[in-house]
PDB file of N, CA and C in Angstrom:
ATOM      1  N   MET A   1     -10.472  -2.375  33.477  1.00  0.00           N
ATOM      2  CA  MET A   1     -11.066  -1.806  32.354  1.00  0.00           C
ATOM      3  C   MET A   1      -9.713  -2.250  30.908  1.00  0.00           C
ATOM      4  N   ARG A   2     -10.749  -2.554  30.364  1.00  0.00           N
ATOM      5  CA  ARG A   2      -9.884  -3.387  29.031  1.00  0.00           C
ATOM      6  C   ARG A   2      -9.225  -1.593  28.013  1.00  0.00           C
ATOM      7  N   LYS A   3      -7.992  -1.900  27.686  1.00  0.00           N
ATOM      8  CA  LYS A   3      -7.265  -0.859  27.053  1.00  0.00           C
ATOM      9  C   LYS A   3      -7.684  -0.758  25.540  1.00  0.00           C
ATOM     10  N   MET A   4      -8.195   0.376  25.215  1.00  0.00           N
ATOM     11  CA  MET A   4      -8.436   0.293  23.704  1.00  0.00           C
ATOM     12  C   MET A   4      -7.206   0.911  23.037  1.00  0.00           C
ATOM     13  N   GLY A   5      -7.422   0.082  21.762  1.00  0.00           N
ATOM     14  CA  GLY A   5      -6.266   0.376  20.967  1.00  0.00           C
ATOM     15  C   GLY A   5      -6.515   1.116  19.694  1.00  0.00           C
ATOM     16  N   ASN A   6      -5.383   1.528  18.969  1.00  0.00           N
ATOM     17  CA  ASN A   6      -5.420   2.771  18.219  1.00  0.00           C
ATOM     18  C   ASN A   6      -6.144   1.793  16.726  1.00  0.00           C
ATOM     19  N   TRP A   7      -6.951   2.053  15.713  1.00  0.00           N
ATOM     20  CA  TRP A   7      -7.486   1.628  14.740  1.00  0.00           C
ATOM     21  C   TRP A   7      -6.077   1.109  13.476  1.00  0.00           C
ATOM     22  N   ARG A   8      -5.499   2.231  13.283  1.00  0.00           N
ATOM     23  CA  ARG A   8      -4.130   2.176  12.497  1.00  0.00           C
ATOM     24  C   ARG A   8      -3.005   1.307  13.075  1.00  0.00           C
ATOM     25  N   GLU A   9      -3.082   1.140  14.575  1.00  0.00           N
ATOM     26  CA  GLU A   9      -2.125   0.364  14.924  1.00  0.00           C
ATOM     27  C   GLU A   9      -2.483  -1.275  14.717  1.00  0.00           C
ATOM     28  N   TYR A  10      -3.877  -1.314  15.090  1.00  0.00           N
ATOM     29  CA  TYR A  10      -4.458  -2.677  14.897  1.00  0.00           C
ATOM     30  C   TYR A  10      -4.792  -3.047  13.170  1.00  0.00           C
ATOM     31  N   GLN A  11      -4.782  -2.264  12.448  1.00  0.00           N
ATOM     32  CA  GLN A  11      -4.881  -2.803  10.908  1.00  0.00           C
ATOM     33  C   GLN A  11      -3.317  -2.834  10.425  1.00  0.00           C
ATOM     34  N   ILE A  12      -2.220  -2.256  11.320  1.00  0.00           N
ATOM     35  CA  ILE A  12      -0.617  -2.280  10.931  1.00  0.00           C
ATOM     36  C   ILE A  12      -0.637  -4.165  11.478  1.00  0.00           C
ATOM     37  N   ARG A  13      -0.706  -4.039  12.193  1.00  0.00           N
ATOM     38  CA  ARG A  13      -0.527  -5.506  13.225  1.00  0.00           C
ATOM     39  C   ARG A  13      -1.241  -6.728  12.442  1.00  0.00           C
ATOM     40  N   ARG A  14      -2.374  -6.684  11.669  1.00  0.00           N
ATOM     41  CA  ARG A  14      -3.298  -7.722  11.466  1.00  0.00           C
ATOM     42  C   ARG A  14      -2.750  -7.832   9.946  1.00  0.00           C
ATOM     43  N   LEU A  15      -2.256  -6.862   9.098  1.00  0.00           N
ATOM     44  CA  LEU A  15      -1.379  -7.019   7.872  1.00  0.00           C
ATOM     45  C   LEU A  15      -0.104  -7.595   7.674  1.00  0.00           C
ATOM     46  N   ALA A  16       0.738  -7.179   8.850  1.00  0.00           N
ATOM     47  CA  ALA A  16       1.780  -7.668   9.332  1.00  0.00           C
ATOM     48  C   ALA A  16       2.018  -9.100   9.650  1.00  0.00           C
ATOM     49  N   ASN A  17       0.675  -9.476  10.139  1.00  0.00           N
ATOM     50  CA  ASN A  17       0.603 -11.283  10.418  1.00  0.00           C
ATOM     51  C   ASN A  17      -0.138 -12.068   9.152  1.00  0.00           C
ATOM     52  N   ASP A  18      -0.392 -11.443   7.982  1.00  0.00           N
ATOM     53  CA  ASP A  18      -1.069 -11.891   6.927  1.00  0.00           C
ATOM     54  C   ASP A  18      -0.937 -11.397   5.514  1.00  0.00           C
ATOM     55  N   GLN A  19      -0.003 -12.013   4.971  1.00  0.00           N
ATOM     56  CA  GLN A  19       0.619 -11.158   3.775  1.00  0.00           C
ATOM     57  C   GLN A  19      -0.719 -11.531   2.696  1.00  0.00           C
ATOM     58  N   GLU A  20      -1.338 -12.400   2.756  1.00  0.00           N
ATOM     59  CA  GLU A  20      -2.102 -12.556   1.148  1.00  0.00           C
ATOM     60  C   GLU A  20      -3.076 -11.276   1.808  1.00  0.00           C
ATOM     61  N   GLU A  21      -3.565 -11.123   3.212  1.00  0.00           N
ATOM     62  CA  GLU A  21      -4.909  -9.933   3.583  1.00  0.00           C
ATOM     63  C   GLU A  21      -4.043  -9.112   3.382  1.00  0.00           C
ATOM     64  N   ALA A  22      -2.591  -8.226   3.396  1.00  0.00           N
ATOM     65  CA  ALA A  22      -1.872  -7.431   3.267  1.00  0.00           C
ATOM     66  C   ALA A  22      -1.788  -6.790   1.523  1.00  0.00           C
ATOM     67  N   ILE A  23      -1.689  -8.285   0.713  1.00  0.00           N
ATOM     68  CA  ILE A  23      -1.690  -7.751  -0.823  1.00  0.00           C
ATOM     69  C   ILE A  23      -3.357  -7.519  -1.252  1.00  0.00           C
ATOM     70  N   ASP A  24      -4.379  -7.867  -0.728  1.00  0.00           N
ATOM     71  CA  ASP A  24      -6.030  -7.623  -0.634  1.00  0.00           C
ATOM     72  C   ASP A  24      -6.139  -6.317  -0.297  1.00  0.00           C
ATOM     73  N   TYR A  25      -5.529  -6.010   0.998  1.00  0.00           N
ATOM     74  CA  TYR A  25      -5.642  -4.677   1.440  1.00  0.00           C
ATOM     75  C   TYR A  25      -5.278  -3.420   0.209  1.00  0.00           C
ATOM     76  N   LEU A  26      -4.091  -4.031  -0.076  1.00  0.00           N
ATOM     77  CA  LEU A  26      -3.488  -2.917  -0.817  1.00  0.00           C
ATOM     78  C   LEU A  26      -4.263  -2.945  -2.369  1.00  0.00           C
ATOM     79  N   GLN A  27      -4.771  -3.882  -2.651  1.00  0.00           N
ATOM     80  CA  GLN A  27      -5.568  -4.204  -3.782  1.00  0.00           C
ATOM     81  C   GLN A  27      -6.947  -3.481  -3.893  1.00  0.00           C
ATOM     82  N   LEU A  28      -7.405  -3.359  -2.963  1.00  0.00           N
ATOM     83  CA  LEU A  28      -8.945  -2.927  -2.554  1.00  0.00           C
ATOM     84  C   LEU A  28      -8.474  -1.338  -2.492  1.00  0.00           C
ATOM     85  N   THR A  29      -7.595  -0.928  -1.853  1.00  0.00           N
ATOM     86  CA  THR A  29      -6.774   0.703  -1.724  1.00  0.00           C
ATOM     87  C   THR A  29      -6.860   1.457  -2.822  1.00  0.00           C
ATOM     88  N   LEU A  30      -5.950   0.439  -3.897  1.00  0.00           N
ATOM     89  CA  LEU A  30      -5.595   0.688  -5.267  1.00  0.00           C
ATOM     90  C   LEU A  30      -6.719   0.823  -5.948  1.00  0.00           C
ATOM     91  N   GLU A  31      -7.863  -0.606  -6.040  1.00  0.00           N
ATOM     92  CA  GLU A  31      -9.402   0.247  -6.575  1.00  0.00           C
ATOM     93  C   GLU A  31      -9.938   1.266  -6.377  1.00  0.00           C
ATOM     94  N   GLU A  32     -10.144   1.779  -5.375  1.00  0.00           N
ATOM     95  CA  GLU A  32     -10.933   2.757  -4.591  1.00  0.00           C
ATOM     96  C   GLU A  32     -10.332   4.034  -5.055  1.00  0.00           C
ATOM     97  N   TYR A  33      -9.082   4.040  -5.127  1.00  0.00           N
ATOM     98  CA  TYR A  33      -8.324   5.464  -5.841  1.00  0.00           C
ATOM     99  C   TYR A  33      -8.731   5.546  -6.902  1.00  0.00           C
ATOM    100  N   HIS A  34      -8.500   3.914  -7.582  1.00  0.00           N
ATOM    101  CA  HIS A  34      -8.976   4.231  -9.425  1.00  0.00           C
ATOM    102  C   HIS A  34     -10.504   5.044  -9.339  1.00  0.00           C
ATOM    103  N   ALA A  35     -11.566   4.308  -8.858  1.00  0.00           N
ATOM    104  CA  ALA A  35     -12.585   4.656  -8.416  1.00  0.00           C
ATOM    105  C   ALA A  35     -13.067   5.873  -8.495  1.00  0.00           C
ATOM    106  N   ASP A  36     -12.469   6.726  -7.497  1.00  0.00           N
ATOM    107  CA  ASP A  36     -12.971   7.822  -6.845  1.00  0.00           C
ATOM    108  C   ASP A  36     -11.609   8.873  -6.904  1.00  0.00           C
ATOM    109  N   GLY A  37     -10.599   8.552  -7.195  1.00  0.00           N
ATOM    110  CA  GLY A  37      -9.591   9.489  -7.172  1.00  0.00           C
ATOM    111  C   GLY A  37      -8.987  10.087  -5.586  1.00  0.00           C
ATOM    112  N   ASP A  38      -9.650   9.713  -4.711  1.00  0.00           N
ATOM    113  CA  ASP A  38      -9.097  10.346  -3.543  1.00  0.00           C
ATOM    114  C   ASP A  38      -7.522   9.948  -3.105  1.00  0.00           C
ATOM    115  N   LEU A  39      -6.748  11.078  -3.169  1.00  0.00           N
ATOM    116  CA  LEU A  39      -5.518  10.927  -3.263  1.00  0.00           C
ATOM    117  C   LEU A  39      -5.286  11.066  -1.494  1.00  0.00           C
ATOM    118  N   THR A  40      -5.788  11.720  -1.195  1.00  0.00           N
ATOM    119  CA  THR A  40      -5.383  11.745   0.718  1.00  0.00           C
ATOM    120  C   THR A  40      -5.782  10.284   1.023  1.00  0.00           C
ATOM    121  N   PHE A  41      -6.658   9.857   0.743  1.00  0.00           N
ATOM    122  CA  PHE A  41      -7.340   8.288   1.494  1.00  0.00           C
ATOM    123  C   PHE A  41      -6.251   7.555   1.221  1.00  0.00           C
ATOM    124  N   PHE A  42      -5.762   7.631  -0.214  1.00  0.00           N
ATOM    125  CA  PHE A  42      -4.962   6.247  -1.121  1.00  0.00           C
ATOM    126  C   PHE A  42      -3.615   6.351  -0.025  1.00  0.00           C
ATOM    127  N   LEU A  43      -3.101   7.613   0.270  1.00  0.00           N
ATOM    128  CA  LEU A  43      -2.138   7.488   0.709  1.00  0.00           C
ATOM    129  C   LEU A  43      -2.098   7.260   2.278  1.00  0.00           C
ATOM    130  N   LYS A  44      -2.912   7.612   2.679  1.00  0.00           N
ATOM    131  CA  LYS A  44      -3.050   7.112   3.986  1.00  0.00           C
ATOM    132  C   LYS A  44      -3.085   5.800   4.057  1.00  0.00           C
ATOM    133  N   GLU A  45      -3.990   5.068   3.652  1.00  0.00           N
ATOM    134  CA  GLU A  45      -4.085   3.456   3.516  1.00  0.00           C
ATOM    135  C   GLU A  45      -2.607   3.043   2.980  1.00  0.00           C
ATOM    136  N   LEU A  46      -2.201   3.377   2.010  1.00  0.00           N
ATOM    137  CA  LEU A  46      -0.549   3.086   1.518  1.00  0.00           C
ATOM    138  C   LEU A  46       0.098   3.222   2.609  1.00  0.00           C
ATOM    139  N   ARG A  47       0.153   4.446   3.341  1.00  0.00           N
ATOM    140  CA  ARG A  47       1.204   3.802   4.688  1.00  0.00           C
ATOM    141  C   ARG A  47       0.741   2.830   5.504  1.00  0.00           C
ATOM    142  N   VAL A  48      -0.406   2.772   5.635  1.00  0.00           N
ATOM    143  CA  VAL A  48      -0.825   1.760   6.984  1.00  0.00           C
ATOM    144  C   VAL A  48      -0.090   0.450   6.345  1.00  0.00           C
ATOM    145  N   PHE A  49      -0.446   0.109   4.824  1.00  0.00           N
ATOM    146  CA  PHE A  49       0.344  -0.990   3.985  1.00  0.00           C
ATOM    147  C   PHE A  49       1.982  -1.185   4.098  1.00  0.00           C
ATOM    148  N   ILE A  50       2.638   0.109   4.185  1.00  0.00           N
ATOM    149  CA  ILE A  50       4.032   0.152   4.107  1.00  0.00           C
ATOM    150  C   ILE A  50       4.323   0.088   5.528  1.00  0.00           C
ATOM    151  N   ALA A  51       3.586   0.220   6.498  1.00  0.00           N
ATOM    152  CA  ALA A  51       3.979   0.125   7.884  1.00  0.00           C
ATOM    153  C   ALA A  51       3.928  -1.000   8.330  1.00  0.00           C
ATOM    154  N   SER A  52       3.041  -1.771   7.534  1.00  0.00           N
ATOM    155  CA  SER A  52       2.641  -3.403   7.795  1.00  0.00           C
ATOM    156  C   SER A  52       3.735  -4.341   7.063  1.00  0.00           C
ATOM    157  N   GLN A  53       4.575  -4.048   6.500  1.00  0.00           N
ATOM    158  CA  GLN A  53       5.682  -4.421   5.376  1.00  0.00           C
ATOM    159  C   GLN A  53       7.137  -3.903   6.629  1.00  0.00           C
ATOM    160  N   GLY A  54       6.894  -3.651   7.481  1.00  0.00           N
ATOM    161  CA  GLY A  54       8.095  -3.382   8.231  1.00  0.00           C
ATOM    162  C   GLY A  54       8.670  -1.840   7.470  1.00  0.00           C
ATOM    163  N   GLY A  55       7.670  -0.809   7.604  1.00  0.00           N
ATOM    164  CA  GLY A  55       8.115   0.544   7.135  1.00  0.00           C
ATOM    165  C   GLY A  55       9.026   0.855   6.075  1.00  0.00           C
ATOM    166  N   VAL A  56       9.048   1.914   5.847  1.00  0.00           N
ATOM    167  CA  VAL A  56       9.722   2.719   4.669  1.00  0.00           C
ATOM    168  C   VAL A  56      10.987   2.109   4.024  1.00  0.00           C
ATOM    169  N   VAL A  57      11.882   2.049   5.317  1.00  0.00           N
ATOM    170  CA  VAL A  57      12.972   1.437   5.527  1.00  0.00           C
ATOM    171  C   VAL A  57      13.041   0.068   4.785  1.00  0.00           C
ATOM    172  N   GLU A  58      12.614  -0.983   5.299  1.00  0.00           N
ATOM    173  CA  GLU A  58      12.187  -2.246   4.956  1.00  0.00           C
ATOM    174  C   GLU A  58      12.051  -2.441   3.847  1.00  0.00           C
ATOM    175  N   LEU A  59      10.907  -1.806   3.286  1.00  0.00           N
ATOM    176  CA  LEU A  59       9.798  -1.771   1.996  1.00  0.00           C
ATOM    177  C   LEU A  59      11.268  -1.635   1.346  1.00  0.00           C
ATOM    178  N   CYS A  60      11.993  -0.602   1.344  1.00  0.00           N
ATOM    179  CA  CYS A  60      12.928  -0.024   0.447  1.00  0.00           C
ATOM    180  C   CYS A  60      14.155  -1.137  -0.211  1.00  0.00           C
ATOM    181  N   LYS A  61      14.305  -1.638   1.306  1.00  0.00           N
ATOM    182  CA  LYS A  61      15.388  -2.473   1.274  1.00  0.00           C
ATOM    183  C   LYS A  61      15.124  -4.249   0.050  1.00  0.00           C
ATOM    184  N   ARG A  62      13.828  -4.394   0.413  1.00  0.00           N
ATOM    185  CA  ARG A  62      13.360  -5.530  -0.488  1.00  0.00           C
ATOM    186  C   ARG A  62      13.048  -4.886  -1.366  1.00  0.00           C
ATOM    187  N   THR A  63      12.784  -3.759  -1.870  1.00  0.00           N
ATOM    188  CA  THR A  63      12.189  -3.628  -3.366  1.00  0.00           C
ATOM    189  C   THR A  63      13.526  -2.696  -4.148  1.00  0.00           C
ATOM    190  N   GLY A  64      14.711  -2.597  -3.283  1.00  0.00           N
ATOM    191  CA  GLY A  64      15.723  -1.733  -4.284  1.00  0.00           C
ATOM    192  C   GLY A  64      15.647  -0.360  -4.538  1.00  0.00           C
ATOM    193  N   MET A  65      14.350   0.463  -3.998  1.00  0.00           N
ATOM    194  CA  MET A  65      13.936   1.614  -3.787  1.00  0.00           C
ATOM    195  C   MET A  65      14.491   2.459  -2.837  1.00  0.00           C
ATOM    196  N   ASP A  66      14.992   3.885  -3.622  1.00  0.00           N
ATOM    197  CA  ASP A  66      15.908   4.942  -2.877  1.00  0.00           C
ATOM    198  C   ASP A  66      14.735   5.349  -1.506  1.00  0.00           C
ATOM    199  N   THR A  67      15.019   5.008   0.113  1.00  0.00           N
ATOM    200  CA  THR A  67      14.265   5.420   0.809  1.00  0.00           C
ATOM    201  C   THR A  67      13.894   6.950   0.574  1.00  0.00           C
ATOM    202  N   GLU A  68      14.594   7.895   0.272  1.00  0.00           N
ATOM    203  CA  GLU A  68      14.220   9.252  -0.224  1.00  0.00           C
ATOM    204  C   GLU A  68      12.890   9.382  -1.037  1.00  0.00           C
ATOM    205  N   THR A  69      13.368   8.784  -2.092  1.00  0.00           N
ATOM    206  CA  THR A  69      12.090   8.957  -3.396  1.00  0.00           C
ATOM    207  C   THR A  69      10.839   8.382  -2.448  1.00  0.00           C
ATOM    208  N   LEU A  70      10.838   6.976  -1.774  1.00  0.00           N
ATOM    209  CA  LEU A  70       9.532   6.606  -1.727  1.00  0.00           C
ATOM    210  C   LEU A  70       8.938   7.744  -0.152  1.00  0.00           C
ATOM    211  N   SER A  71      10.215   8.087   0.356  1.00  0.00           N
ATOM    212  CA  SER A  71       9.153   9.180   1.274  1.00  0.00           C
ATOM    213  C   SER A  71       8.693  10.102   0.755  1.00  0.00           C
ATOM    214  N   ASP A  72       9.307  10.480  -0.018  1.00  0.00           N
ATOM    215  CA  ASP A  72       9.086  12.069  -0.736  1.00  0.00           C
ATOM    216  C   ASP A  72       7.552  11.787  -1.856  1.00  0.00           C
ATOM    217  N   MET A  73       7.240  10.537  -1.974  1.00  0.00           N
ATOM    218  CA  MET A  73       6.465  10.061  -2.546  1.00  0.00           C
ATOM    219  C   MET A  73       5.117  10.242  -1.745  1.00  0.00           C
ATOM    220  N   LEU A  74       5.320   9.447  -0.561  1.00  0.00           N
ATOM    221  CA  LEU A  74       4.060   9.767  -0.019  1.00  0.00           C
ATOM    222  C   LEU A  74       3.866  10.900   1.247  1.00  0.00           C
ATOM    223  N   SER A  75       4.647  12.259   0.728  1.00  0.00           N
ATOM    224  CA  SER A  75       4.265  13.293   1.513  1.00  0.00           C
ATOM    225  C   SER A  75       4.674  14.327   0.457  1.00  0.00           C
ATOM    226  N   ASN A  76       4.427  14.144  -0.798  1.00  0.00           N
ATOM    227  CA  ASN A  76       4.700  15.482  -1.684  1.00  0.00           C
ATOM    228  C   ASN A  76       3.646  15.266  -2.661  1.00  0.00           C
ATOM    229  N   GLU A  77       3.590  16.793  -3.218  1.00  0.00           N
ATOM    230  CA  GLU A  77       2.487  17.031  -4.048  1.00  0.00           C
ATOM    231  C   GLU A  77       2.785  16.321  -5.416  1.00  0.00           C
ATOM    232  N   ASP A  78       3.926  15.891  -5.688  1.00  0.00           N
ATOM    233  CA  ASP A  78       4.314  15.226  -6.609  1.00  0.00           C
ATOM    234  C   ASP A  78       3.792  13.789  -6.832  1.00  0.00           C
ATOM    235  N   ALA A  79       2.941  12.932  -5.618  1.00  0.00           N
ATOM    236  CA  ALA A  79       2.437  12.003  -6.024  1.00  0.00           C
ATOM    237  C   ALA A  79       1.050  12.216  -6.459  1.00  0.00           C
ATOM    238  N   THR A  80       0.812  13.286  -6.379  1.00  0.00           N
ATOM    239  CA  THR A  80      -0.486  13.855  -7.065  1.00  0.00           C
ATOM    240  C   THR A  80      -0.439  13.445  -8.602  1.00  0.00           C
ATOM    241  N   GLN A  81       0.591  13.865  -9.286  1.00  0.00           N
ATOM    242  CA  GLN A  81       0.669  13.962 -10.492  1.00  0.00           C
ATOM    243  C   GLN A  81       0.895  12.611 -11.231  1.00  0.00           C
ATOM    244  N   LEU A  82       1.588  12.071 -10.175  1.00  0.00           N
ATOM    245  CA  LEU A  82       2.094  10.486 -10.711  1.00  0.00           C
ATOM    246  C   LEU A  82       1.199   9.569 -10.955  1.00  0.00           C
ATOM    247  N   LEU A  83       0.594   9.674  -9.494  1.00  0.00           N
ATOM    248  CA  LEU A  83      -0.638   8.637  -9.361  1.00  0.00           C
ATOM    249  C   LEU A  83      -2.137   9.202 -10.891  1.00  0.00           C
ATOM    250  N   ASP A  84      -2.118  10.271 -10.951  1.00  0.00           N
ATOM    251  CA  ASP A  84      -3.359  10.909 -12.137  1.00  0.00           C
ATOM    252  C   ASP A  84      -2.732  10.210 -13.250  1.00  0.00           C
ATOM    253  N   THR A  85      -1.336  10.260 -13.618  1.00  0.00           N
ATOM    254  CA  THR A  85      -0.975   9.998 -14.931  1.00  0.00           C
ATOM    255  C   THR A  85      -1.206   8.410 -14.808  1.00  0.00           C
ATOM    256  N   PHE A  86      -0.811   7.723 -14.051  1.00  0.00           N
ATOM    257  CA  PHE A  86      -1.411   6.413 -13.764  1.00  0.00           C
ATOM    258  C   PHE A  86      -2.514   6.062 -14.050  1.00  0.00           C
ATOM    259  N   SER A  87      -3.740   6.376 -13.468  1.00  0.00           N
ATOM    260  CA  SER A  87      -4.729   6.358 -13.330  1.00  0.00           C
ATOM    261  C   SER A  87      -5.551   6.734 -14.891  1.00  0.00           C
ATOM    262  N   THR A  88      -4.767   7.814 -15.372  1.00  0.00           N
ATOM    263  CA  THR A  88      -5.417   8.361 -16.961  1.00  0.00           C
ATOM    264  C   THR A  88      -4.788   6.870 -17.743  1.00  0.00           C
ATOM    265  N   LEU A  89      -3.510   6.632 -17.672  1.00  0.00           N
ATOM    266  CA  LEU A  89      -3.255   5.148 -18.525  1.00  0.00           C
ATOM    267  C   LEU A  89      -4.167   4.096 -18.320  1.00  0.00           C
ATOM    268  N   LEU A  90      -4.381   3.572 -17.051  1.00  0.00           N
ATOM    269  CA  LEU A  90      -5.324   2.553 -16.729  1.00  0.00           C
ATOM    270  C   LEU A  90      -6.723   2.249 -17.476  1.00  0.00           C
ATOM    271  N   ASN A  91      -6.931   4.069 -17.379  1.00  0.00           N
ATOM    272  CA  ASN A  91      -8.648   4.187 -17.809  1.00  0.00           C
ATOM    273  C   ASN A  91      -8.803   3.986 -19.137  1.00  0.00           C
ATOM    274  N   ALA A  92      -7.658   4.784 -19.898  1.00  0.00           N
ATOM    275  CA  ALA A  92      -7.562   4.325 -21.621  1.00  0.00           C
ATOM    276  C   ALA A  92      -7.258   3.387 -21.559  1.00  0.00           C
ATOM    277  N   LEU A  93      -6.601   2.265 -20.971  1.00  0.00           N
ATOM    278  CA  LEU A  93      -6.484   1.021 -21.389  1.00  0.00           C
ATOM    279  C   LEU A  93      -7.542   0.047 -21.204  1.00  0.00           C
ATOM    280  N   LYS A  94      -8.554   0.634 -20.337  1.00  0.00           N
ATOM    281  CA  LYS A  94      -9.872   0.319 -19.584  1.00  0.00           C
ATOM    282  C   LYS A  94      -8.862  -1.183 -19.179  1.00  0.00           C
ATOM    283  N   HIS A  95      -8.211  -0.955 -18.370  1.00  0.00           N
ATOM    284  CA  HIS A  95      -7.406  -2.101 -17.530  1.00  0.00           C
ATOM    285  C   HIS A  95      -7.280  -1.656 -16.001  1.00  0.00           C
ATOM    286  N   PRO A  96      -8.279  -2.483 -15.261  1.00  0.00           N
ATOM    287  CA  PRO A  96      -8.163  -2.196 -13.769  1.00  0.00           C
ATOM    288  C   PRO A  96      -6.844  -2.701 -13.171  1.00  0.00           C
ATOM    289  N   PRO A  97      -6.174  -1.911 -12.011  1.00  0.00           N
ATOM    290  CA  PRO A  97      -5.097  -2.092 -11.759  1.00  0.00           C
ATOM    291  C   PRO A  97      -5.060  -3.547 -10.703  1.00  0.00           C
ATOM    292  N   VAL A  98      -3.894  -4.092 -10.887  1.00  0.00           N
ATOM    293  CA  VAL A  98      -4.180  -5.606 -10.106  1.00  0.00           C
ATOM    294  C   VAL A  98      -3.065  -5.494  -9.309  1.00  0.00           C
ATOM    295  N   ILE A  99      -2.751  -6.076  -7.989  1.00  0.00           N
ATOM    296  CA  ILE A  99      -1.578  -6.249  -7.225  1.00  0.00           C
ATOM    297  C   ILE A  99      -1.660  -8.052  -6.951  1.00  0.00           C
ATOM    298  N   GLU A 100      -0.565  -8.393  -7.187  1.00  0.00           N
ATOM    299  CA  GLU A 100      -0.275  -9.724  -6.852  1.00  0.00           C
ATOM    300  C   GLU A 100       1.517  -9.999  -6.098  1.00  0.00           C
ATOM    301  N   ASP A 101       0.685 -10.705  -5.442  1.00  0.00           N
ATOM    302  CA  ASP A 101       2.069 -10.727  -4.494  1.00  0.00           C
ATOM    303  C   ASP A 101       3.083 -11.947  -5.018  1.00  0.00           C
ATOM    304  N   THR A 102       4.092 -11.832  -5.522  1.00  0.00           N
ATOM    305  CA  THR A 102       5.253 -12.748  -6.261  1.00  0.00           C
ATOM    306  C   THR A 102       6.302 -13.168  -5.157  1.00  0.00           C
ATOM    307  N   HIS A 103       6.229 -12.727  -3.913  1.00  0.00           N
ATOM    308  CA  HIS A 103       7.386 -13.739  -3.000  1.00  0.00           C
ATOM    309  C   HIS A 103       6.708 -14.882  -2.742  1.00  0.00           C
ATOM    310  N   PRO A 104       7.497 -15.738  -2.428  1.00  0.00           N
ATOM    311  CA  PRO A 104       7.279 -17.034  -1.809  1.00  0.00           C
ATOM    312  C   PRO A 104       6.688 -17.095  -0.678  1.00  0.00           C
ATOM    313  N   ILE A 105       5.624 -17.785  -0.063  1.00  0.00           N
ATOM    314  CA  ILE A 105       5.296 -17.957   1.140  1.00  0.00           C
ATOM    315  C   ILE A 105       6.196 -17.743   2.420  1.00  0.00           C
ATOM    316  N   ARG A 106       6.335 -17.234   3.125  1.00  0.00           N
ATOM    317  CA  ARG A 106       7.427 -17.459   4.403  1.00  0.00           C
ATOM    318  C   ARG A 106       7.544 -18.902   5.033  1.00  0.00           C
ATOM    319  N   ASN A 107       5.914 -19.246   5.407  1.00  0.00           N
ATOM    320  CA  ASN A 107       6.137 -20.070   6.280  1.00  0.00           C
ATOM    321  C   ASN A 107       5.030 -21.161   5.635  1.00  0.00           C
ATOM    322  N   PRO A 108       5.363 -22.010   4.747  1.00  0.00           N
ATOM    323  CA  PRO A 108       4.276 -22.864   4.080  1.00  0.00           C
ATOM    324  C   PRO A 108       3.603 -24.144   5.254  1.00  0.00           C
ATOM    325  N   PRO A 109       2.609 -24.283   4.836  1.00  0.00           N
ATOM    326  CA  PRO A 109       2.254 -25.380   5.690  1.00  0.00           C
ATOM    327  C   PRO A 109       2.541 -26.760   5.676  1.00  0.00           C
ATOM    328  N   LEU A 110       2.632 -27.365   6.517  1.00  0.00           N
ATOM    329  CA  LEU A 110       3.087 -28.706   6.558  1.00  0.00           C
ATOM    330  C   LEU A 110       2.322 -29.568   6.243  1.00  0.00           C
TER     331      LEU A 110
END
């Protein structure tokens, strides 16, 4: 009998193996939050993205962000205020959120 895996773990592995897909996933997650304001869903999917990028510690090393700050943002009510303010600004500017990968391709095709 084939062992069934966890959907979250599958998503993390899939995104870890395809940087372009990971950026698209983050973009879609942000667009959905911008459209419906469902913070719980957004934070859940943001955690999947972060896990696919090596976790909080690895992502903080790459970005120079403090690990405690990012961890608090992902689990704290402060995230609500921050994201609501960000969403309000984007709505006022009538500008959709855009995520772009600015890192060079790790393994360019030959």
